[in-house]
Amino acid sequence: MSSPVNKETMEPSPSEERGFWYQNKGRIGLGLLIVYVFLLGLGTVGELWDIEWILDLPLFRPPGKY
């Protein structure tokens, strides 16, 4: 059986158009969670051991510094 593509117009069916998010939302969510945990750990290490190069990154700078 072939894929659900309209053979007359060669356009994907509505179920295929929204299929990207439904097929990949677990991978996208896991990727975002990994990035979040990495940045959280990096900031924690920078604060605990007072590592200046980490604390000087734009993400971890306090407002008004530089």
C-alpha atoms as a PDB file:
ATOM      1  CA  MET A   1       0.000   0.000   0.000  1.00  0.00           C
ATOM      2  CA  SER A   2       1.354   3.436  -0.857  1.00  0.00           C
ATOM      3  CA  SER A   3       1.699   6.449   1.426  1.00  0.00           C
ATOM      4  CA  PRO A   4      -1.352   8.692   1.947  1.00  0.00           C
ATOM      5  CA  VAL A   5      -0.467  11.263  -0.727  1.00  0.00           C
ATOM      6  CA  ASN A   6      -3.062  12.727  -3.041  1.00  0.00           C
ATOM      7  CA  LYS A   7      -1.925  11.385  -6.400  1.00  0.00           C
ATOM      8  CA  GLU A   8      -3.648  14.132  -8.369  1.00  0.00           C
ATOM      9  CA  THR A   9      -1.923  17.108  -6.712  1.00  0.00           C
ATOM     10  CA  MET A  10       1.018  15.312  -5.050  1.00  0.00           C
ATOM     11  CA  GLU A  11       0.350  17.162  -1.784  1.00  0.00           C
ATOM     12  CA  PRO A  12       0.669  15.452   1.576  1.00  0.00           C
ATOM     13  CA  SER A  13      -2.515  14.637   3.402  1.00  0.00           C
ATOM     14  CA  PRO A  14      -3.431  16.709   6.488  1.00  0.00           C
ATOM     15  CA  SER A  15      -2.351  13.876   8.764  1.00  0.00           C
ATOM     16  CA  GLU A  16       1.176  14.009   7.304  1.00  0.00           C
ATOM     17  CA  GLU A  17       1.457  17.788   7.693  1.00  0.00           C
ATOM     18  CA  ARG A  18       1.001  17.657  11.443  1.00  0.00           C
ATOM     19  CA  GLY A  19       2.839  14.371  11.697  1.00  0.00           C
ATOM     20  CA  PHE A  20       6.272  15.925  12.186  1.00  0.00           C
ATOM     21  CA  TRP A  21       5.439  17.302  15.635  1.00  0.00           C
ATOM     22  CA  TYR A  22       3.628  14.158  16.740  1.00  0.00           C
ATOM     23  CA  GLN A  23       6.443  11.918  15.541  1.00  0.00           C
ATOM     24  CA  ASN A  24       9.285  13.985  17.021  1.00  0.00           C
ATOM     25  CA  LYS A  25       7.904  15.692  20.125  1.00  0.00           C
ATOM     26  CA  GLY A  26       9.552  13.130  22.388  1.00  0.00           C
ATOM     27  CA  ARG A  27      12.963  13.703  20.830  1.00  0.00           C
ATOM     28  CA  ILE A  28      12.566  17.481  20.878  1.00  0.00           C
ATOM     29  CA  GLY A  29      11.436  17.419  24.509  1.00  0.00           C
ATOM     30  CA  LEU A  30      14.297  15.159  25.505  1.00  0.00           C
ATOM     31  CA  GLY A  31      16.787  17.418  23.716  1.00  0.00           C
ATOM     32  CA  LEU A  32      15.451  20.507  25.488  1.00  0.00           C
ATOM     33  CA  LEU A  33      15.563  18.697  28.823  1.00  0.00           C
ATOM     34  CA  ILE A  34      19.193  17.685  28.270  1.00  0.00           C
ATOM     35  CA  VAL A  35      20.182  21.263  27.359  1.00  0.00           C
ATOM     36  CA  TYR A  36      18.340  22.597  30.423  1.00  0.00           C
ATOM     37  CA  VAL A  37      19.996  20.133  32.806  1.00  0.00           C
ATOM     38  CA  PHE A  38      23.432  20.833  31.271  1.00  0.00           C
ATOM     39  CA  LEU A  39      23.041  24.601  31.726  1.00  0.00           C
ATOM     40  CA  LEU A  40      21.674  24.128  35.224  1.00  0.00           C
ATOM     41  CA  GLY A  41      24.666  21.983  36.141  1.00  0.00           C
ATOM     42  CA  LEU A  42      27.112  24.418  34.549  1.00  0.00           C
ATOM     43  CA  GLY A  43      25.664  27.333  36.493  1.00  0.00           C
ATOM     44  CA  THR A  44      25.714  25.340  39.712  1.00  0.00           C
ATOM     45  CA  VAL A  45      29.364  24.370  39.234  1.00  0.00           C
ATOM     46  CA  GLY A  46      30.223  28.004  38.479  1.00  0.00           C
ATOM     47  CA  GLU A  47      28.530  29.225  41.637  1.00  0.00           C
ATOM     48  CA  LEU A  48      29.782  26.512  43.977  1.00  0.00           C
ATOM     49  CA  TRP A  49      33.432  26.694  42.973  1.00  0.00           C
ATOM     50  CA  ASP A  50      33.373  30.374  41.934  1.00  0.00           C
ATOM     51  CA  ILE A  51      34.631  29.700  38.411  1.00  0.00           C
ATOM     52  CA  GLU A  52      34.752  33.140  36.800  1.00  0.00           C
ATOM     53  CA  TRP A  53      34.712  32.097  33.145  1.00  0.00           C
ATOM     54  CA  ILE A  54      31.402  30.333  33.714  1.00  0.00           C
ATOM     55  CA  LEU A  55      29.951  33.231  35.689  1.00  0.00           C
ATOM     56  CA  ASP A  56      31.027  35.683  32.967  1.00  0.00           C
ATOM     57  CA  LEU A  57      29.004  33.902  30.287  1.00  0.00           C
ATOM     58  CA  PRO A  58      26.108  36.140  29.145  1.00  0.00           C
ATOM     59  CA  LEU A  59      23.544  33.608  30.345  1.00  0.00           C
ATOM     60  CA  PHE A  60      24.833  33.672  33.929  1.00  0.00           C
ATOM     61  CA  ARG A  61      25.688  37.379  34.255  1.00  0.00           C
ATOM     62  CA  PRO A  62      23.562  39.323  36.708  1.00  0.00           C
ATOM     63  CA  PRO A  63      21.532  42.175  35.213  1.00  0.00           C
ATOM     64  CA  GLY A  64      23.566  45.349  34.940  1.00  0.00           C
ATOM     65  CA  LYS A  65      27.003  43.717  34.930  1.00  0.00           C
ATOM     66  CA  TYR A  66      29.045  44.865  31.888  1.00  0.00           C
END
